[in-house]
């Protein structure tokens, strides 16, 4: 009885250390709960609530959003323009094997992000886009000759884009642009194309050489005609008076050089100079 009485007279008291520990635990719990009470949706994305694995159709815009701690999560869907690349092997209309590398720029419709994620999931590029690109490229390639695929590259890309846009619209995916990065053909086909280009270049060179020769011949004919016309005009300008004047000029030059002495030895007739006529002309 005395021992029980002593224990009742001295009850246990909470120590300061225990209070500090309790306070720290409460603070930590509050911080953990608080940090899990909100989520941030990045710029260029939309968010979707996921509660116990189930998606909510409420689409969240970029910014801070509250959520139920440990129960809800927010998944983000990229709505910016994204690129996916696909390699496809097909045959042209003339049965030439063609390997095509295609790049597709696409984006997700913001308002339909829930339907896309709920029905297809986050790997929709592998599930929907790449198979659609491969199928459409094969379909379009089969409509063109191999050489036309190169010559009409823009037309082929436009046709692929048209079909792909219609196909992906069913899944609320937007095709922004499509580019045919490369067409790859067999070595035999490449050699035949190269040989054809060489033949075309040689034919073009021969045609240019023929045109050059024709032009040079025409130039020579024109030059000969001009010279003949010039001679004709010169003949028309020669008159008896002009001939007499030229003779006088020759005699004047000979008289200027004459020293007044006749040559002692001559090999023929002595040239006659009409001094009287020269004097009269002067």
Protein backbone atom coordinates (compact mmCIF):
# COMPACT_ATOMS: atom_id res chain seq x y z
CA UNK A 1 0.00 0.00 0.00
CA UNK A 2 2.83 2.37 0.80
CA UNK A 3 4.51 1.69 -2.55
CA UNK A 4 1.27 2.37 -4.44
CA UNK A 5 0.77 5.53 -2.46
CA UNK A 6 4.25 6.75 -3.38
CA UNK A 7 3.65 6.11 -7.09
CA UNK A 8 0.41 8.09 -7.00
CA UNK A 9 2.16 10.93 -5.29
CA UNK A 10 4.87 11.13 -8.08
CA UNK A 11 3.11 11.00 -11.57
CA UNK A 12 5.27 10.96 -14.77
CA UNK A 13 5.66 14.32 -16.57
CA UNK A 14 6.27 14.98 -20.34
CA UNK A 15 9.84 16.03 -20.94
CA UNK A 16 10.76 18.97 -23.30
CA UNK A 17 12.52 16.51 -25.66
CA UNK A 18 9.29 14.63 -26.25
CA UNK A 19 7.47 17.84 -27.14
CA UNK A 20 10.13 18.76 -29.68
CA UNK A 21 9.92 15.36 -31.31
CA UNK A 22 6.14 15.54 -31.58
CA UNK A 23 6.29 19.01 -33.07
CA UNK A 24 8.92 17.93 -35.62
CA UNK A 25 6.82 14.95 -36.68
CA UNK A 26 3.76 17.16 -37.14
CA UNK A 27 5.74 19.67 -39.20
CA UNK A 28 7.20 16.95 -41.43
CA UNK A 29 3.75 15.44 -42.00
CA UNK A 30 2.34 18.87 -42.88
CA UNK A 31 5.18 19.53 -45.33
CA UNK A 32 4.77 16.17 -47.02
CA UNK A 33 1.03 16.60 -47.31
CA UNK A 34 1.42 20.19 -48.50
CA UNK A 35 3.99 19.34 -51.17
CA UNK A 36 1.64 16.67 -52.51
CA UNK A 37 -1.35 18.98 -52.54
CA UNK A 38 -0.46 20.79 -55.78
CA UNK A 39 1.06 20.10 -59.20
CA UNK A 40 2.50 22.33 -61.89
CA UNK A 41 1.61 21.99 -65.58
CA UNK A 42 4.48 23.16 -67.79
CA UNK A 43 4.15 25.67 -70.61
CA UNK A 44 3.24 23.99 -73.92
CA UNK A 45 1.42 21.19 -72.11
CA UNK A 46 -2.02 20.42 -70.69
CA UNK A 47 -2.69 18.37 -67.59
CA UNK A 48 -5.13 15.58 -66.67
CA UNK A 49 -6.08 14.41 -63.20
CA UNK A 50 -5.49 10.73 -62.55
CA UNK A 51 -7.31 9.34 -59.50
CA UNK A 52 -6.55 5.74 -58.53
CA UNK A 53 -5.55 5.06 -62.15
CA UNK A 54 -8.64 6.69 -63.69
CA UNK A 55 -8.34 9.78 -65.88
CA UNK A 56 -10.50 12.82 -65.31
CA UNK A 57 -11.76 14.60 -68.44
CA UNK A 58 -11.05 18.00 -66.86
CA UNK A 59 -8.19 19.44 -68.96
CA UNK A 60 -5.78 21.61 -66.95
CA UNK A 61 -4.08 24.60 -68.50
CA UNK A 62 -0.41 25.48 -67.77
CA UNK A 63 0.16 26.66 -64.17
CA UNK A 64 -0.34 25.50 -60.55
CA UNK A 65 -3.24 23.19 -59.65
CA UNK A 66 -4.40 21.62 -56.37
CA UNK A 67 -4.86 17.88 -56.04
CA UNK A 68 -5.75 15.35 -53.35
CA UNK A 69 -2.48 14.25 -51.73
CA UNK A 70 -1.41 10.63 -52.35
CA UNK A 71 -4.66 9.97 -54.21
CA UNK A 72 -4.48 12.15 -57.30
CA UNK A 73 -1.63 12.73 -59.76
CA UNK A 74 -1.45 15.06 -62.73
CA UNK A 75 -0.10 13.71 -66.03
CA UNK A 76 1.11 16.18 -68.66
CA UNK A 77 0.41 16.00 -72.38
CA UNK A 78 2.71 17.87 -74.76
CA UNK A 79 0.72 20.10 -77.14
CA UNK A 80 3.74 21.66 -78.89
CA UNK A 81 4.78 20.71 -82.41
CA UNK A 82 6.66 17.40 -82.21
CA UNK A 83 8.62 15.51 -84.84
CA UNK A 84 8.56 11.80 -85.50
CA UNK A 85 10.61 10.05 -88.21
CA UNK A 86 9.71 6.84 -90.00
CA UNK A 87 11.52 4.56 -92.47
CA UNK A 88 9.38 2.79 -95.04
CA UNK A 89 10.17 0.27 -97.77
CA UNK A 90 7.82 0.13 -100.77
CA UNK A 91 7.69 -0.45 -104.54
CA UNK A 92 7.06 2.12 -107.24
CA UNK A 93 4.60 1.73 -110.11
CA UNK A 94 7.38 0.26 -112.29
CA UNK A 95 8.24 -2.19 -109.45
CA UNK A 96 11.42 -0.46 -108.37
CA UNK A 97 12.21 -0.96 -104.64
CA UNK A 98 12.15 2.37 -102.80
CA UNK A 99 13.23 3.11 -99.24
CA UNK A 100 11.71 6.34 -97.92
CA UNK A 101 12.67 8.33 -94.83
CA UNK A 102 9.77 10.57 -93.78
CA UNK A 103 9.67 13.23 -91.04
CA UNK A 104 6.25 14.30 -89.71
CA UNK A 105 5.65 17.37 -87.56
CA UNK A 106 2.44 16.98 -85.58
CA UNK A 107 0.70 18.35 -82.49
CA UNK A 108 -2.04 17.27 -80.09
CA UNK A 109 -5.40 19.05 -80.04
CA UNK A 110 -5.57 20.57 -76.53
CA UNK A 111 -9.32 20.09 -76.14
CA UNK A 112 -9.08 16.42 -77.12
CA UNK A 113 -6.10 15.44 -74.97
CA UNK A 114 -8.35 13.38 -72.66
CA UNK A 115 -9.76 11.27 -75.51
CA UNK A 116 -6.28 10.65 -76.91
CA UNK A 117 -4.72 9.62 -73.59
CA UNK A 118 -7.74 7.63 -72.42
CA UNK A 119 -8.20 5.67 -75.67
CA UNK A 120 -4.61 5.29 -76.92
CA UNK A 121 -2.13 6.32 -74.22
CA UNK A 122 1.11 8.24 -74.13
CA UNK A 123 2.89 6.22 -76.82
CA UNK A 124 0.42 7.25 -79.53
CA UNK A 125 3.29 8.09 -81.91
CA UNK A 126 4.34 4.43 -82.03
CA UNK A 127 0.79 3.09 -81.94
CA UNK A 128 -0.93 5.45 -84.40
CA UNK A 129 1.40 7.82 -86.29
CA UNK A 130 4.27 5.60 -87.48
CA UNK A 131 2.05 2.74 -88.76
CA UNK A 132 -0.18 5.26 -90.56
CA UNK A 133 2.86 6.89 -92.22
CA UNK A 134 4.20 3.53 -93.40
CA UNK A 135 0.87 2.45 -94.87
CA UNK A 136 0.17 5.75 -96.66
CA UNK A 137 3.71 6.07 -98.05
CA UNK A 138 3.45 2.57 -99.55
CA UNK A 139 0.06 3.41 -101.04
CA UNK A 140 1.19 6.69 -102.60
CA UNK A 141 4.56 5.35 -103.81
CA UNK A 142 2.84 2.60 -105.79
CA UNK A 143 1.08 5.25 -107.92
CA UNK A 144 4.26 6.80 -109.35
CA UNK A 145 7.11 5.69 -111.57
CA UNK A 146 10.46 5.66 -109.78
CA UNK A 147 11.77 8.64 -111.74
CA UNK A 148 8.58 10.60 -111.03
CA UNK A 149 9.10 10.13 -107.30
CA UNK A 150 12.26 12.20 -107.69
CA UNK A 151 10.96 14.72 -110.22
CA UNK A 152 7.62 15.22 -108.43
CA UNK A 153 8.88 15.10 -104.87
CA UNK A 154 6.70 18.01 -103.70
CA UNK A 155 3.59 16.52 -105.29
CA UNK A 156 4.24 13.15 -103.65
CA UNK A 157 4.81 14.81 -100.25
CA UNK A 158 1.60 16.79 -100.64
CA UNK A 159 -0.42 13.68 -101.41
CA UNK A 160 1.06 11.84 -98.41
CA UNK A 161 0.30 14.83 -96.19
CA UNK A 162 -3.30 14.97 -97.39
CA UNK A 163 -3.97 11.31 -96.64
CA UNK A 164 -2.11 11.37 -93.32
CA UNK A 165 -3.98 14.48 -92.15
CA UNK A 166 -7.31 12.79 -92.77
CA UNK A 167 -6.16 9.59 -91.05
CA UNK A 168 -4.82 11.23 -87.87
CA UNK A 169 -7.75 13.62 -87.53
CA UNK A 170 -9.78 10.69 -86.27
CA UNK A 171 -7.48 10.57 -83.25
CA UNK A 172 -7.44 14.36 -82.69
CA UNK A 173 -3.87 14.64 -83.94
CA UNK A 174 -2.92 17.59 -86.15
CA UNK A 175 -0.41 17.18 -88.99
CA UNK A 176 1.56 20.43 -89.24
CA UNK A 177 4.07 19.44 -91.91
CA UNK A 178 5.51 16.41 -93.65
CA UNK A 179 8.92 16.13 -95.31
CA UNK A 180 10.35 13.38 -97.47
CA UNK A 181 13.90 13.44 -96.17
CA UNK A 182 15.27 10.86 -98.59
CA UNK A 183 14.39 8.45 -101.38
CA UNK A 184 16.78 5.51 -101.69
CA UNK A 185 16.73 3.28 -104.77
CA UNK A 186 18.65 0.16 -105.80
CA UNK A 187 22.19 0.46 -107.17
CA UNK A 188 21.07 -0.75 -110.61
CA UNK A 189 18.42 1.96 -110.81
CA UNK A 190 20.88 4.64 -109.68
CA UNK A 191 23.33 3.55 -112.39
CA UNK A 192 20.62 3.70 -115.06
CA UNK A 193 19.65 7.21 -113.92
CA UNK A 194 23.28 8.30 -114.02
CA UNK A 195 23.74 6.87 -117.54
CA UNK A 196 20.59 8.63 -118.69
CA UNK A 197 21.79 11.93 -117.29
CA UNK A 198 25.16 11.53 -119.04
CA UNK A 199 23.39 10.82 -122.34
CA UNK A 200 21.17 13.86 -121.89
CA UNK A 201 24.17 16.05 -121.14
CA UNK A 202 25.99 14.78 -124.23
CA UNK A 203 22.91 15.36 -126.39
CA UNK A 204 22.58 18.86 -124.98
CA UNK A 205 26.27 19.55 -125.67
CA UNK A 206 25.91 18.29 -129.27
CA UNK A 207 22.84 20.46 -129.76
CA UNK A 208 24.67 23.50 -128.39
CA UNK A 209 27.68 22.78 -130.63
CA UNK A 210 25.40 22.56 -133.68
CA UNK A 211 23.75 25.85 -132.79
CA UNK A 212 27.17 27.44 -132.30
CA UNK A 213 28.38 26.20 -135.71
CA UNK A 214 25.19 27.48 -137.37
CA UNK A 215 25.59 30.86 -135.73
CA UNK A 216 29.26 31.08 -136.75
CA UNK A 217 28.35 30.17 -140.35
CA UNK A 218 25.64 32.81 -140.39
CA UNK A 219 28.14 35.34 -139.05
CA UNK A 220 30.62 34.49 -141.80
CA UNK A 221 27.90 34.77 -144.45
CA UNK A 222 26.85 38.11 -143.05
CA UNK A 223 30.47 39.29 -142.97
CA UNK A 224 31.05 38.18 -146.60
CA UNK A 225 27.87 39.90 -147.68
CA UNK A 226 28.95 43.07 -145.91
CA UNK A 227 32.38 42.97 -147.57
CA UNK A 228 30.84 42.38 -150.99
CA UNK A 229 28.45 45.25 -150.47
CA UNK A 230 31.38 47.43 -149.39
CA UNK A 231 33.37 46.57 -152.54
CA UNK A 232 30.32 47.24 -154.64
CA UNK A 233 29.94 50.67 -153.09
CA UNK A 234 33.63 51.40 -153.56
CA UNK A 235 33.41 50.49 -157.27
CA UNK A 236 30.49 52.81 -157.66
CA UNK A 237 32.55 55.63 -156.10
CA UNK A 238 35.46 55.25 -158.61
CA UNK A 239 35.04 57.93 -161.37
CA UNK A 240 37.35 59.13 -164.21
CA UNK A 241 38.01 62.33 -162.31
CA UNK A 242 39.06 60.30 -159.22
CA UNK A 243 41.44 58.21 -161.35
CA UNK A 244 43.00 61.31 -162.91
CA UNK A 245 43.41 62.86 -159.44
CA UNK A 246 45.19 59.76 -158.15
CA UNK A 247 47.53 59.85 -161.17
CA UNK A 248 48.39 63.48 -160.48
CA UNK A 249 49.12 62.68 -156.82
CA UNK A 250 51.50 59.91 -157.88
CA UNK A 251 53.30 62.20 -160.34
CA UNK A 252 53.64 64.94 -157.71
CA UNK A 253 55.25 62.54 -155.24
CA UNK A 254 57.67 61.35 -157.97
CA UNK A 255 58.58 64.94 -158.88
CA UNK A 256 59.31 65.83 -155.26
CA UNK A 257 61.79 62.97 -155.03
CA UNK A 258 63.47 63.71 -158.46
CA UNK A 259 66.90 65.49 -158.31
CA UNK A 260 66.64 66.88 -161.84
CA UNK A 261 68.97 64.29 -163.38
CA UNK A 262 67.96 61.55 -165.71
CA UNK A 263 69.36 58.13 -164.88
CA UNK A 264 72.42 57.23 -166.95
CA UNK A 265 71.59 53.56 -167.09
CA UNK A 266 68.07 52.38 -167.45
CA UNK A 267 66.61 49.00 -167.91
CA UNK A 268 63.76 50.14 -170.03
CA UNK A 269 61.84 53.14 -171.16
CA UNK A 270 62.30 56.35 -169.20
CA UNK A 271 59.10 57.25 -167.39
CA UNK A 272 57.43 60.30 -168.82
CA UNK A 273 56.28 62.97 -166.43
CA UNK A 274 54.02 65.66 -167.76
CA UNK A 275 55.66 68.66 -166.05
CA UNK A 276 53.42 71.10 -167.86
CA UNK A 277 50.29 69.45 -166.56
CA UNK A 278 51.69 69.39 -163.00
CA UNK A 279 52.58 73.06 -163.27
CA UNK A 280 49.12 73.94 -164.53
CA UNK A 281 47.50 71.94 -161.72
CA UNK A 282 49.53 73.83 -159.13
